[in-house]
Amino acid sequence: MANSRSKAPRSKKKSRRSGAASEPTAPLAESSSPTAGFPIVGIGGSAGSLHAFQEILRHLPADSGLALVIVSHQDPNVPSLLAEILAKATTMPVSQASDGTKLEASTV
């Protein structure tokens, strides 16, 4: 039996989901946090985003002045090694955040 649904013409527009994150999904703020005194950059992704996180860190200077907050979806029953893995991709200090962690410039 043939499919009775007609196919709509496909758009020639390229998909933005091409594996590595080559374009930011939102514009970056150009000013510092009014309370912190330095820019705070939040980056989030699925558990499969590790390579993209590492690439971002490899291309940022250690004295960027940014406080980077990286959030990854992970299994809550498995201890996270994300901080240790990301620390190998940058010379900036990297730590696991917890409730009450103070952000600092040029840290992850």
Protein backbone atom coordinates (compact mmCIF):
# COMPACT_ATOMS: atom_id res chain seq x y z
CA MET A 1 0.00 0.00 0.00
CA ALA A 2 1.41 3.38 -0.96
CA ASN A 3 1.75 6.25 1.44
CA SER A 4 -1.12 8.65 0.75
CA ARG A 5 0.55 11.62 2.41
CA SER A 6 2.18 14.02 -0.01
CA LYS A 7 5.62 15.25 0.81
CA ALA A 8 6.05 18.95 1.37
CA PRO A 9 9.00 20.51 -0.46
CA ARG A 10 12.07 20.63 1.73
CA SER A 11 13.72 23.88 2.52
CA LYS A 12 17.19 24.41 1.09
CA LYS A 13 18.20 26.02 4.39
CA LYS A 14 21.04 24.19 6.11
CA SER A 15 20.43 22.69 9.52
CA ARG A 16 22.03 24.46 12.48
CA ARG A 17 22.53 21.12 14.25
CA SER A 18 25.82 20.03 12.75
CA GLY A 19 27.61 18.34 15.64
CA ALA A 20 30.09 20.90 16.97
CA ALA A 21 28.79 24.24 18.13
CA SER A 22 30.27 26.66 15.63
CA GLU A 23 27.88 29.54 16.23
CA PRO A 24 26.61 30.89 19.53
CA THR A 25 22.88 30.39 20.04
CA ALA A 26 22.49 33.76 21.72
CA PRO A 27 24.50 36.98 21.55
CA LEU A 28 27.16 37.35 24.22
CA ALA A 29 26.73 40.17 26.67
CA GLU A 30 29.25 42.93 26.18
CA SER A 31 29.15 44.35 29.67
CA SER A 32 30.15 43.01 33.06
CA SER A 33 27.72 41.75 35.62
CA PRO A 34 26.72 44.83 37.63
CA THR A 35 27.30 43.01 40.91
CA ALA A 36 30.30 40.82 40.01
CA GLY A 37 32.33 43.41 38.11
CA PHE A 38 33.26 40.93 35.36
CA PRO A 39 31.37 39.07 32.61
CA ILE A 40 29.66 35.84 33.59
CA VAL A 41 29.17 33.38 30.72
CA GLY A 42 26.87 30.39 31.07
CA ILE A 43 27.30 27.44 28.71
CA GLY A 44 25.00 24.43 28.82
CA GLY A 45 24.66 21.21 26.93
CA SER A 46 23.84 17.55 26.99
CA ALA A 47 26.23 14.88 28.16
CA GLY A 48 27.45 14.68 24.54
CA SER A 49 28.67 18.30 24.64
CA LEU A 50 31.98 17.51 26.31
CA HIS A 51 34.03 17.95 23.12
CA ALA A 52 32.42 21.35 22.43
CA PHE A 53 33.13 22.47 26.01
CA GLN A 54 36.77 21.43 25.64
CA GLU A 55 37.12 23.27 22.33
CA ILE A 56 35.72 26.47 23.82
CA LEU A 57 38.18 26.29 26.72
CA ARG A 58 41.15 25.54 24.42
CA HIS A 59 40.48 28.78 22.54
CA LEU A 60 40.02 31.11 25.51
CA PRO A 61 43.02 32.87 27.04
CA ALA A 62 43.68 32.09 30.71
CA ASP A 63 43.36 35.79 31.55
CA SER A 64 40.03 36.28 29.73
CA GLY A 65 38.44 37.95 32.75
CA LEU A 66 35.34 35.77 32.26
CA ALA A 67 33.66 33.64 34.88
CA LEU A 68 32.55 30.57 32.92
CA VAL A 69 29.72 28.44 34.28
CA ILE A 70 29.43 25.17 32.38
CA VAL A 71 26.33 23.06 32.98
CA SER A 72 26.03 19.56 31.56
CA HIS A 73 23.17 17.09 31.81
CA GLN A 74 24.55 14.07 33.64
CA ASP A 75 23.31 11.00 35.50
CA PRO A 76 22.74 12.12 39.11
CA ASN A 77 23.71 8.64 40.36
CA VAL A 78 27.22 8.80 38.87
CA PRO A 79 29.94 11.04 40.34
CA SER A 80 30.87 13.83 37.93
CA LEU A 81 34.38 14.00 36.50
CA LEU A 82 33.52 17.04 34.39
CA ALA A 83 35.74 19.48 36.33
CA GLU A 84 38.75 17.16 36.11
CA ILE A 85 38.23 16.56 32.39
CA LEU A 86 37.74 20.26 31.58
CA ALA A 87 40.80 21.22 33.62
CA LYS A 88 42.92 19.37 31.04
CA ALA A 89 41.66 21.71 28.30
CA THR A 90 42.59 25.02 29.97
CA THR A 91 45.08 26.63 32.30
CA MET A 92 42.28 28.52 34.06
CA PRO A 93 41.30 27.18 37.47
CA VAL A 94 38.37 24.75 37.14
CA SER A 95 36.18 23.65 40.02
CA GLN A 96 32.90 21.86 40.64
CA ALA A 97 30.28 24.40 41.74
CA SER A 98 27.99 23.81 44.65
CA ASP A 99 25.38 25.86 46.45
CA GLY A 100 26.97 29.16 47.51
CA THR A 101 30.04 28.94 45.25
CA LYS A 102 31.35 32.46 44.54
CA LEU A 103 32.19 33.21 40.92
CA GLU A 104 35.60 34.63 40.09
CA ALA A 105 37.03 36.19 36.93
CA SER A 106 39.17 33.94 34.71
CA THR A 107 37.81 30.73 36.23
CA VAL A 108 35.61 27.85 35.14
